[in-house]
Structure formats: structure tokens, C-alpha cells
Amino acid sequence: MMFRRNGHSRRPFGILDIGSTKICCMIGEHDKLGGVRLLGQGTHASAGIRAGEVTALADLSDAIGNAVQTAERAAGVSLTAVSVVLAGGSPRSSFSKQSMTMADSTVSRRDVRRLLDRSGHQPMNDALQLMQFHPLHYSLDDIRGIADPVGMRGRELAVEFLTVAAKRTHLANIIEALAQNHLGAERFIHAGYAAGLACLGTEEREVGSTVIDLGGGTSSAAIFMDGKLIYIDTVPAGGQHVSTDIARILSTPVTTAERLKAVHGAITPMDTMSPPPGPVHEALQLGHSDNIMLPGVGDHIEIDGKMIERSLLSAVIRPRIEEIIELLTDRMKAARMEYAAGNRFILTGGGSQLTGIADFCAQIAGKSVGLGEPHGIANLPIEETSRSSAAAVGALLHVSRLTEDDPAERQTRTLPHGPIERLGAWFRDNL
């Protein structure tokens, strides 16, 4: 009797979350209970990347090196490759189907593997590179919705799957930045998908949920249904754009605007029955007042010796958040996924930490909106349990759940397979 090896590797593994505001590296390993344990993590301010796109390769490489070295020192291990989490490169998802006629009437694991290998090699726009490959369900002759066809009888085997692809040049630049630090890219993981793994429970992913990851330079939407990812998209707008709006309208440095957003940033729901206050409208139009003071009830905030009303800060923040939510929902509608998105949105990411944002987004989207906290790793430091770390935590969970014999995973690995690995794959397929 021959046993198949489907277990997890016991070796430590690393993920690298490349955002527009920070770069985070986490190193984990499997614990004895089948979970994942964090060995070390390192965070460094982003450089050389704006709105998710690489703008200065050398600066990005230095920032990656600092984050990875900090994590390696904390974990006491040295990495040779990492799984990369990102939202840049204009990633999009699409559905496809692949079928084949079997030589035998009983479906074997070898048949499933051959089918998925064919699916992963379907023609694609030369400007795009495959990031993720998700089998959704199988069909066997006239039977649809099969989760695992192995052992079933039939002649025509098919699979419907979702692919996530991004610009090839963007991913090539990320790989080059890693190579300058003597690191390889094992795989690419979309930040929105990873955030969904960290913030949604198994039941939420089964019944259907939409996660909106509000990052620094990008924001993403990921829809899950029947436990699987069925849609993903990204827009090049996030928390950094909110800070820039504050800096421009209040004539203050961006660093001060960032601090103002973090300490006092809040969004009050709009009163749709009344017009916007006149002084707010004028201040937003001019944007050059040296001393903005609004009449009415509300606390005052002092910025570099100037006093402003909290309501003005809310009025500055509100339009950008509204724009981001509308961009994402409009794209869902264009992809005919608005009904699949369900009636509940989960907000996460650093941009979701604004006070009152859930109520405001519920008003804009006409949905029930909650806040998603990352979970699933027991020994996370307190600072890494905030919503700004959701994508990194989710990526660590994703990699920890991969098995050494995962046919879908083979389609998106970016590192070349060595001769020993190819030989092992042959034995798995044929024995």
C-alpha cells in the first residue's frame, strides 16, 4: 500500500506585504497543533512605491531589505524566498473553464492534476502575468457543482476557475527588487484576498461576504462565496490620498496631515436632507485659508497655531472615502457582481481606522458595514493585530495552509522547479 504525502512543510516560511505606506515581513512556521506560529516580523516605511506602483527601484529594494532583515533577526532564521503580498499592478480577476476527455471512466488524482495543468496554461494577454489560480468547482458529464471528482465515474471532466492577473512589468520590478536582496518570489498573493482570509470566518466565506481593504495607496474589494474567492479588483486610491487632501486644503505639511488624520480623523454621516454648510463649501473651494474657523457646535483642533473645527476635517475626509467606495462598487456592477457581493461589507486595512467610517460607508453603499479585525495567529504582537496588518496576517495563514501536493498552487509558483521537484511531481502523478 502506498501513502500519498499531502502534509505541510515544517520549514519556516516568510511573507512580504509591499504597501504604499509600509512594508511588512512576517516569518512563521507550523505548530504542533496544526496552526501557524509567528517567529518574527519586521516593518519599515515604504519607499520607491506610490499608489501601488514602483517609482524608484533602488529605494524600494532598500526598504524591502530593512524589513526582511529585521524579521530575520527576530526569528533567528535566514530567508531565501518570500511570498509577496501586493495590490499594485492593476490586478483583475476573471472566470474561465477547461475540460478534457478522460481515457478511463473513473476520475483519478492524475486526471485532476492534468486538467488543472491545462487550465494554468491557457492563453493570456502578454502584458499580464498570473498571480493566483482558484478552482471553483468541477463538472463531470452533466453533473455540475462537484467539489472533488476523484473516484467518480464519467467521461468529460471540466473545471471552472478564477484567475487573478497583474501587469507583467510590475511583477518583474518586484522580483528585481527582491533579487537585489538575494531573495526569490515564491508566489504572489493579492492583498484583498489575504485580508479576507484574516478577517472573515469560515461561515462568512461560505455564505458570501465582501471585504474592502482600504490601504495607503490602493483600495481593494474581494468577494467570497461558498468558501472561495470569486471576484477581486483594486483602485489606485487610499489613505495617502486622504492625507494629501487634508494637506492641500488646510495648507499644512503632509506629515502634519498624516498626524491629524491619525489622531483626529473621523467621518460623520451626511444629512442628505440639508445642503452642505456654506463655510465648509467655501473652505474646500479655496483651500488656502491661513486661519480657518467655522461657526457652530464642535470641538476645535489646533494645527501649527491655527484652529479649525472638527467638522471641517470630516468634510475634507468624506469626499475621498466616498469616491473610493463608489469606484469599487461601480466596478462590481460593471462586472455584474453586485448581487454576489451580498448585503454586508467588511472594512479593513489602515484606512478603515477612521472613526465613524463604517456608518458612513453603510450610508454610501446602502449595505450593512462592519469592521474586520485580523485573527488566526495566536502569538501576534498587539501592534500587528490592527486592521492595517490584515493583509500580512492573511498571507501568513494562506501560505501555512498550502500542502506540498497542491495542484492549483503549482500553476502560480514563480520560482523554477528543480529536477528533484519535477521527479517528485512525476511520481505523484503516476503512482
Protein backbone atom coordinates (compact mmCIF):
# COMPACT_ATOMS: atom_id res chain seq x y z
CA MET A 1 0.00 0.00 0.00
CA MET A 2 1.38 3.42 -0.92
CA PHE A 3 0.62 6.53 1.09
CA ARG A 4 0.45 9.94 -0.52
CA ARG A 5 2.22 12.81 1.14
CA ASN A 6 -0.13 15.77 1.46
CA GLY A 7 1.31 17.35 4.60
CA HIS A 8 2.68 20.80 5.25
CA SER A 9 6.36 21.62 5.17
CA ARG A 10 7.90 22.06 8.61
CA ARG A 11 10.31 24.70 7.37
CA PRO A 12 9.87 28.36 8.36
CA PHE A 13 8.31 30.49 5.64
CA GLY A 14 8.18 34.22 5.01
CA ILE A 15 5.65 36.65 3.57
CA LEU A 16 6.35 40.19 2.42
CA ASP A 17 3.48 42.69 2.33
CA ILE A 18 4.52 45.53 -0.01
CA GLY A 19 2.26 48.50 0.60
CA SER A 20 2.46 52.16 -0.34
CA THR A 21 2.92 53.30 3.27
CA LYS A 22 4.73 50.39 4.90
CA ILE A 23 6.48 47.13 4.06
CA CYS A 24 5.94 44.27 6.48
CA CYS A 25 7.77 40.94 6.59
CA MET A 26 6.48 38.07 8.73
CA ILE A 27 8.16 34.73 9.28
CA GLY A 28 6.13 31.80 10.58
CA GLU A 29 6.15 28.05 10.99
CA HIS A 30 3.61 25.33 11.68
CA ASP A 31 2.99 24.50 15.33
CA LYS A 32 2.25 21.08 16.76
CA LEU A 33 -1.49 21.71 16.76
CA GLY A 34 -1.61 22.32 13.01
CA GLY A 35 -1.80 26.09 13.29
CA VAL A 36 0.79 28.71 12.49
CA ARG A 37 3.16 30.42 14.89
CA LEU A 38 4.83 33.77 14.26
CA LEU A 39 8.62 33.58 14.62
CA GLY A 40 9.49 37.18 13.83
CA GLN A 41 8.30 40.25 11.99
CA GLY A 42 9.80 43.46 10.69
CA THR A 43 8.18 46.65 9.41
CA HIS A 44 9.73 49.57 7.53
CA ALA A 45 8.32 52.69 5.93
CA SER A 46 7.71 52.24 2.21
CA ALA A 47 9.91 53.95 -0.34
CA GLY A 48 10.01 53.86 -4.12
CA ILE A 49 6.35 52.90 -4.46
CA ARG A 50 3.34 55.15 -4.97
CA ALA A 51 -0.32 54.13 -5.34
CA GLY A 52 0.91 50.55 -5.53
CA GLU A 53 3.25 51.16 -8.49
CA VAL A 54 7.06 51.06 -8.38
CA THR A 55 8.56 54.53 -8.86
CA ALA A 56 12.16 54.05 -7.64
CA LEU A 57 13.54 50.51 -7.69
CA ALA A 58 16.63 51.21 -5.56
CA ASP A 59 14.59 52.86 -2.80
CA LEU A 60 12.08 50.01 -2.82
CA SER A 61 14.89 47.46 -2.64
CA ASP A 62 16.41 49.20 0.39
CA ALA A 63 13.06 49.33 2.20
CA ILE A 64 12.45 45.63 1.49
CA GLY A 65 15.92 44.75 2.75
CA ASN A 66 15.39 46.63 6.02
CA ALA A 67 12.03 44.95 6.70
CA VAL A 68 13.30 41.45 5.88
CA GLN A 69 16.49 41.81 7.91
CA THR A 70 14.53 42.94 10.96
CA ALA A 71 12.23 39.92 10.66
CA GLU A 72 15.15 37.53 10.15
CA ARG A 73 16.94 38.82 13.26
CA ALA A 74 13.78 38.45 15.33
CA ALA A 75 13.12 34.91 14.03
CA GLY A 76 16.73 33.74 14.05
CA VAL A 77 16.43 32.36 10.52
CA SER A 78 17.56 33.42 7.06
CA LEU A 79 15.12 33.55 4.16
CA THR A 80 15.94 32.72 0.56
CA ALA A 81 12.44 33.38 -0.83
CA VAL A 82 9.18 35.00 0.27
CA SER A 83 5.53 35.04 -0.74
CA VAL A 84 4.74 38.57 -1.89
CA VAL A 85 1.51 40.37 -0.94
CA LEU A 86 0.55 43.33 -3.13
CA ALA A 87 -2.32 45.27 -4.64
CA GLY A 88 -0.39 47.16 -7.34
CA GLY A 89 -0.02 46.29 -10.99
CA SER A 90 -3.73 46.79 -11.79
CA PRO A 91 -4.73 43.25 -10.76
CA ARG A 92 -8.04 41.90 -12.09
CA SER A 93 -9.89 38.63 -11.74
CA SER A 94 -11.66 36.61 -14.45
CA PHE A 95 -13.56 33.34 -14.80
CA SER A 96 -12.53 30.55 -17.17
CA LYS A 97 -13.36 26.93 -17.90
CA GLN A 98 -11.25 23.99 -19.02
CA SER A 99 -12.37 20.50 -19.97
CA MET A 100 -10.87 17.23 -21.16
CA THR A 101 -11.98 13.75 -22.17
CA MET A 102 -10.60 11.03 -19.91
CA ALA A 103 -9.04 7.83 -21.11
CA ASP A 104 -10.53 5.91 -18.18
CA SER A 105 -14.10 6.19 -16.93
CA THR A 106 -13.01 6.70 -13.29
CA VAL A 107 -11.53 10.06 -12.29
CA SER A 108 -8.09 9.80 -10.69
CA ARG A 109 -5.94 12.41 -8.99
CA ARG A 110 -3.73 12.30 -12.03
CA ASP A 111 -6.71 13.34 -14.19
CA VAL A 112 -7.43 16.29 -11.90
CA ARG A 113 -3.80 17.34 -11.97
CA ARG A 114 -3.65 17.16 -15.77
CA LEU A 115 -6.84 19.21 -16.02
CA LEU A 116 -5.51 21.92 -13.71
CA ASP A 117 -2.17 21.97 -15.52
CA ARG A 118 -4.02 22.65 -18.77
CA SER A 119 -6.07 25.36 -17.06
CA GLY A 120 -2.99 27.13 -15.77
CA HIS A 121 -1.52 27.30 -19.25
CA GLN A 122 -4.46 28.88 -21.02
CA PRO A 123 -3.56 31.81 -23.32
CA MET A 124 -3.30 35.18 -21.56
CA ASN A 125 -2.62 38.75 -22.59
CA ASP A 126 1.15 39.11 -22.99
CA ALA A 127 1.09 42.19 -20.77
CA LEU A 128 -0.31 40.18 -17.84
CA GLN A 129 1.12 37.55 -15.52
CA LEU A 130 -0.85 35.04 -13.48
CA MET A 131 -0.84 35.75 -9.74
CA GLN A 132 -3.46 33.39 -8.32
CA PHE A 133 -5.39 30.37 -9.55
CA HIS A 134 -8.54 29.22 -7.72
CA PRO A 135 -10.50 26.14 -8.85
CA LEU A 136 -14.17 26.83 -8.05
CA HIS A 137 -15.98 23.59 -8.89
CA TYR A 138 -15.81 20.61 -11.24
CA SER A 139 -18.26 19.12 -13.72
CA LEU A 140 -18.46 15.53 -14.84
CA ASP A 141 -20.57 14.97 -17.93
CA ASP A 142 -23.92 16.58 -16.99
CA ILE A 143 -23.23 16.81 -13.25
CA ARG A 144 -22.13 20.25 -12.04
CA GLY A 145 -21.02 21.71 -8.74
CA ILE A 146 -18.70 18.85 -7.79
CA ALA A 147 -16.19 19.71 -5.04
CA ASP A 148 -13.87 16.71 -5.54
CA PRO A 149 -14.42 14.42 -8.57
CA VAL A 150 -11.78 11.82 -7.61
CA GLY A 151 -13.28 8.32 -7.71
CA MET A 152 -16.40 9.39 -9.62
CA ARG A 153 -17.27 7.86 -12.99
CA GLY A 154 -17.74 9.78 -16.23
CA ARG A 155 -16.07 10.74 -19.49
CA GLU A 156 -15.94 14.54 -19.77
CA LEU A 157 -14.21 16.26 -16.85
CA ALA A 158 -14.26 20.07 -16.58
CA VAL A 159 -13.29 22.73 -14.06
CA GLU A 160 -14.43 26.31 -13.66
CA PHE A 161 -11.79 28.52 -12.08
CA LEU A 162 -10.90 32.08 -11.18
CA THR A 163 -7.59 33.68 -12.13
CA VAL A 164 -6.04 36.86 -10.76
CA ALA A 165 -3.51 38.51 -13.08
CA ALA A 166 -1.48 41.73 -12.90
CA LYS A 167 0.84 43.69 -15.16
CA ARG A 168 3.89 41.62 -16.03
CA THR A 169 6.23 44.61 -15.86
CA HIS A 170 5.08 45.49 -12.33
CA LEU A 171 5.66 41.95 -11.04
CA ALA A 172 9.03 41.87 -12.82
CA ASN A 173 10.08 45.03 -10.97
CA ILE A 174 9.05 43.49 -7.65
CA ILE A 175 11.06 40.37 -8.47
CA GLU A 176 14.08 42.54 -9.32
CA ALA A 177 13.80 44.44 -6.03
CA LEU A 178 13.78 41.11 -4.21
CA ALA A 179 16.71 39.80 -6.25
CA GLN A 180 18.78 42.80 -5.16
CA ASN A 181 18.30 41.48 -1.62
CA HIS A 182 19.16 37.89 -2.66
CA LEU A 183 15.54 36.81 -2.32
CA GLY A 184 13.22 34.95 -4.66
CA ALA A 185 9.47 35.40 -5.06
CA GLU A 186 7.74 32.08 -4.37
CA ARG A 187 4.27 33.34 -5.25
CA PHE A 188 2.16 36.49 -5.45
CA ILE A 189 -0.91 36.98 -3.26
CA HIS A 190 -3.43 39.76 -3.75
CA ALA A 191 -3.79 41.95 -0.65
CA GLY A 192 -7.60 41.95 -0.78
CA TYR A 193 -7.77 38.15 -0.85
CA ALA A 194 -5.30 37.90 2.03
CA ALA A 195 -7.25 40.45 4.08
CA GLY A 196 -10.38 38.36 3.56
CA LEU A 197 -8.67 35.25 4.94
CA ALA A 198 -7.59 37.18 8.03
CA CYS A 199 -10.88 38.95 8.77
CA LEU A 200 -13.60 36.50 7.71
CA GLY A 201 -14.56 33.32 9.45
CA THR A 202 -15.23 30.08 7.59
CA GLU A 203 -19.01 30.57 7.76
CA GLU A 204 -18.76 34.16 6.47
CA ARG A 205 -16.78 32.99 3.44
CA GLU A 206 -19.32 30.22 2.86
CA VAL A 207 -22.50 32.32 2.92
CA GLY A 208 -20.89 35.18 0.98
CA SER A 209 -19.08 38.31 2.11
CA THR A 210 -17.27 41.26 0.57
CA VAL A 211 -14.05 42.56 2.10
CA ILE A 212 -12.87 46.07 1.31
CA ASP A 213 -9.20 46.60 2.16
CA LEU A 214 -8.50 50.33 2.45
CA GLY A 215 -4.73 50.62 2.09
CA GLY A 216 -2.40 53.57 1.88
CA GLY A 217 -2.11 53.97 -1.88
CA THR A 218 -4.66 51.43 -3.10
CA SER A 219 -8.01 50.01 -2.04
CA SER A 220 -9.30 46.55 -2.95
CA ALA A 221 -12.55 44.62 -2.94
CA ALA A 222 -12.66 40.83 -2.61
CA ILE A 223 -15.87 38.79 -2.78
CA PHE A 224 -16.06 35.31 -1.24
CA MET A 225 -18.84 32.76 -1.76
CA ASP A 226 -19.06 29.03 -0.99
CA GLY A 227 -15.74 29.40 0.79
CA LYS A 228 -13.91 30.55 -2.33
CA LEU A 229 -12.73 33.80 -3.87
CA ILE A 230 -14.99 34.75 -6.80
CA TYR A 231 -14.01 38.35 -7.55
CA ILE A 232 -11.23 40.83 -6.86
CA ASP A 233 -10.38 44.33 -8.01
CA THR A 234 -8.25 47.31 -6.97
CA VAL A 235 -8.41 51.07 -7.39
CA PRO A 236 -5.35 53.36 -7.05
CA ALA A 237 -6.69 55.42 -4.14
CA GLY A 238 -6.33 55.06 -0.39
CA GLY A 239 -5.40 56.68 2.88
CA GLN A 240 -2.45 58.59 1.42
CA HIS A 241 -4.85 60.47 -0.82
CA VAL A 242 -6.90 61.46 2.22
CA SER A 243 -3.75 62.88 3.83
CA THR A 244 -2.88 64.79 0.67
CA ASP A 245 -6.39 66.29 0.58
CA ILE A 246 -6.01 67.46 4.18
CA ALA A 247 -2.57 68.93 3.48
CA ARG A 248 -3.72 70.84 0.41
CA ILE A 249 -6.97 72.21 1.77
CA LEU A 250 -5.61 73.14 5.19
CA SER A 251 -2.26 74.36 3.80
CA THR A 252 -0.26 72.15 6.13
CA PRO A 253 2.67 69.73 5.55
CA VAL A 254 1.78 66.15 4.64
CA THR A 255 3.41 64.84 7.85
CA THR A 256 1.15 67.10 9.89
CA ALA A 257 -1.84 65.99 7.82
CA GLU A 258 -0.98 62.35 8.49
CA ARG A 259 -0.82 63.01 12.23
CA LEU A 260 -4.06 64.99 12.10
CA LYS A 261 -5.82 62.13 10.28
CA ALA A 262 -4.50 59.53 12.71
CA VAL A 263 -5.36 61.44 15.89
CA HIS A 264 -8.48 63.41 14.97
CA GLY A 265 -9.68 61.80 11.73
CA ALA A 266 -13.37 60.99 11.80
CA ILE A 267 -16.26 60.85 9.37
CA THR A 268 -19.73 61.94 10.33
CA PRO A 269 -22.61 60.56 8.24
CA MET A 270 -24.13 63.09 5.85
CA ASP A 271 -27.52 64.68 6.39
CA THR A 272 -28.94 64.08 2.93
CA MET A 273 -31.88 66.40 3.55
CA SER A 274 -29.85 69.55 4.10
CA PRO A 275 -27.29 71.41 1.95
CA PRO A 276 -23.61 71.45 2.99
CA PRO A 277 -22.61 74.30 5.32
CA GLY A 278 -21.58 77.39 3.40
CA PRO A 279 -18.28 77.96 5.22
CA VAL A 280 -17.25 74.33 4.65
CA HIS A 281 -18.00 74.62 0.91
CA GLU A 282 -16.01 77.85 0.67
CA ALA A 283 -13.07 76.42 2.58
CA LEU A 284 -12.96 73.36 0.33
CA GLN A 285 -13.04 75.59 -2.74
CA LEU A 286 -10.33 78.00 -1.59
CA GLY A 287 -8.08 75.65 0.31
CA HIS A 288 -5.68 78.48 1.18
CA SER A 289 -7.03 79.94 4.41
CA ASP A 290 -4.35 80.71 6.96
CA ASN A 291 -6.83 80.52 9.80
CA ILE A 292 -9.96 78.50 9.09
CA MET A 293 -12.64 78.88 11.73
CA LEU A 294 -16.15 77.54 11.31
CA PRO A 295 -19.08 78.75 13.41
CA GLY A 296 -21.34 76.29 15.18
CA VAL A 297 -21.08 73.48 17.69
CA GLY A 298 -17.97 71.30 17.77
CA ASP A 299 -14.52 70.93 19.25
CA HIS A 300 -11.61 72.83 17.82
CA ILE A 301 -8.32 71.34 16.62
CA GLU A 302 -5.07 73.26 16.65
CA ILE A 303 -2.74 72.79 13.67
CA ASP A 304 0.54 74.70 13.66
CA GLY A 305 -1.03 77.51 15.67
CA LYS A 306 -4.26 77.53 13.63
CA MET A 307 -7.66 76.49 14.95
CA ILE A 308 -10.17 74.55 12.86
CA GLU A 309 -13.44 72.81 13.59
CA ARG A 310 -13.56 69.02 13.69
CA SER A 311 -16.50 69.20 11.30
CA LEU A 312 -14.25 70.78 8.69
CA LEU A 313 -11.76 67.91 8.97
CA SER A 314 -14.63 65.48 8.48
CA ALA A 315 -15.79 67.46 5.44
CA VAL A 316 -12.31 67.20 3.92
CA ILE A 317 -12.01 63.44 4.53
CA ARG A 318 -15.52 62.48 3.47
CA PRO A 319 -15.37 63.06 -0.34
CA ARG A 320 -12.28 60.88 -0.83
CA ILE A 321 -13.68 57.93 1.11
CA GLU A 322 -16.95 58.30 -0.78
CA GLU A 323 -15.04 58.27 -4.07
CA ILE A 324 -13.17 55.07 -3.15
CA ILE A 325 -16.33 53.21 -2.14
CA GLU A 326 -18.17 54.35 -5.26
CA LEU A 327 -15.26 53.36 -7.52
CA LEU A 328 -15.19 49.85 -6.05
CA THR A 329 -18.97 49.37 -6.14
CA ASP A 330 -19.19 50.73 -9.69
CA ARG A 331 -16.59 48.19 -10.81
CA MET A 332 -18.55 45.41 -9.12
CA LYS A 333 -21.63 46.49 -11.05
CA ALA A 334 -19.67 46.63 -14.32
CA ALA A 335 -18.51 43.05 -13.67
CA ARG A 336 -22.10 42.06 -12.79
CA MET A 337 -21.03 41.08 -9.30
CA GLU A 338 -23.18 43.49 -7.28
CA TYR A 339 -25.60 40.72 -6.27
CA ALA A 340 -22.82 38.28 -5.48
CA ALA A 341 -21.33 40.96 -3.21
CA GLY A 342 -24.24 40.42 -0.83
CA ASN A 343 -25.66 42.88 1.66
CA ARG A 344 -22.70 43.09 4.01
CA PHE A 345 -19.31 44.73 3.55
CA ILE A 346 -16.36 44.22 5.90
CA LEU A 347 -13.87 47.09 6.05
CA THR A 348 -10.26 46.52 6.97
CA GLY A 349 -6.81 47.95 6.24
CA GLY A 350 -5.19 51.07 7.67
CA GLY A 351 -7.70 53.39 6.03
CA SER A 352 -10.58 51.74 7.91
CA GLN A 353 -9.35 53.06 11.26
CA LEU A 354 -11.10 56.42 10.81
CA THR A 355 -13.78 56.96 13.44
CA GLY A 356 -17.28 56.60 12.02
CA ILE A 357 -16.19 55.13 8.69
CA ALA A 358 -18.45 52.05 8.94
CA ASP A 359 -21.63 54.11 9.38
CA PHE A 360 -20.61 56.48 6.60
CA CYS A 361 -19.86 53.66 4.13
CA ALA A 362 -23.15 51.97 5.03
CA GLN A 363 -24.91 55.16 4.02
CA ILE A 364 -22.98 55.46 0.74
CA ALA A 365 -23.19 51.80 -0.35
CA GLY A 366 -26.63 51.02 1.05
CA LYS A 367 -25.18 47.95 2.79
CA SER A 368 -24.63 46.66 6.27
CA VAL A 369 -20.98 47.53 7.00
CA GLY A 370 -18.75 46.13 9.74
CA LEU A 371 -15.08 46.35 10.67
CA GLY A 372 -12.82 43.32 10.24
CA GLU A 373 -10.02 42.55 12.68
CA PRO A 374 -7.31 40.06 11.65
CA HIS A 375 -7.25 36.81 13.58
CA GLY A 376 -5.98 33.26 13.27
CA ILE A 377 -2.44 33.60 14.67
CA ALA A 378 -2.28 33.25 18.44
CA ASN A 379 1.03 34.92 19.27
CA LEU A 380 0.71 38.09 17.19
CA PRO A 381 2.11 41.20 18.88
CA ILE A 382 -0.56 43.75 19.83
CA GLU A 383 0.65 46.20 17.18
CA GLU A 384 0.16 43.58 14.45
CA THR A 385 -3.47 42.82 15.37
CA SER A 386 -4.71 46.15 13.99
CA ARG A 387 -6.60 46.33 10.71
CA SER A 388 -3.53 47.77 8.97
CA SER A 389 -1.89 44.32 9.25
CA ALA A 390 -4.82 42.30 7.89
CA ALA A 391 -3.23 41.50 4.51
CA ALA A 392 0.05 40.36 6.06
CA VAL A 393 -1.71 38.14 8.61
CA GLY A 394 -3.96 36.65 5.91
CA ALA A 395 -1.00 35.89 3.66
CA LEU A 396 0.73 34.07 6.51
CA LEU A 397 -2.42 31.99 7.01
CA HIS A 398 -2.69 31.26 3.27
CA VAL A 399 0.88 30.01 2.96
CA SER A 400 0.56 27.94 6.15
CA ARG A 401 -2.43 26.08 4.67
CA LEU A 402 -0.74 25.11 1.42
CA THR A 403 0.19 21.47 1.05
CA GLU A 404 3.23 20.07 -0.68
CA ASP A 405 0.93 18.31 -3.17
CA ASP A 406 -1.39 21.13 -4.23
CA PRO A 407 -2.05 21.05 -8.00
CA ALA A 408 -3.62 24.53 -8.02
CA GLU A 409 -0.61 26.01 -6.26
CA ARG A 410 1.72 24.68 -8.97
CA GLN A 411 0.09 26.98 -11.53
CA THR A 412 1.21 30.20 -9.81
CA ARG A 413 4.62 29.40 -8.35
CA THR A 414 7.15 31.86 -9.70
CA LEU A 415 10.29 30.01 -8.66
CA PRO A 416 11.56 27.45 -11.20
CA HIS A 417 11.05 23.81 -10.30
CA GLY A 418 14.28 21.93 -9.78
CA PRO A 419 14.96 18.42 -11.16
CA ILE A 420 14.21 16.73 -7.82
CA GLU A 421 10.89 18.55 -7.52
CA ARG A 422 9.98 17.61 -11.10
CA LEU A 423 10.86 13.97 -10.37
CA GLY A 424 8.68 14.04 -7.24
CA ALA A 425 5.82 15.52 -9.26
CA TRP A 426 6.12 12.70 -11.80
CA PHE A 427 5.86 10.06 -9.05
CA ARG A 428 2.83 11.84 -7.54
CA ASP A 429 1.11 11.92 -10.93
CA ASN A 430 1.83 8.36 -11.95
CA LEU A 431 1.89 6.28 -8.75
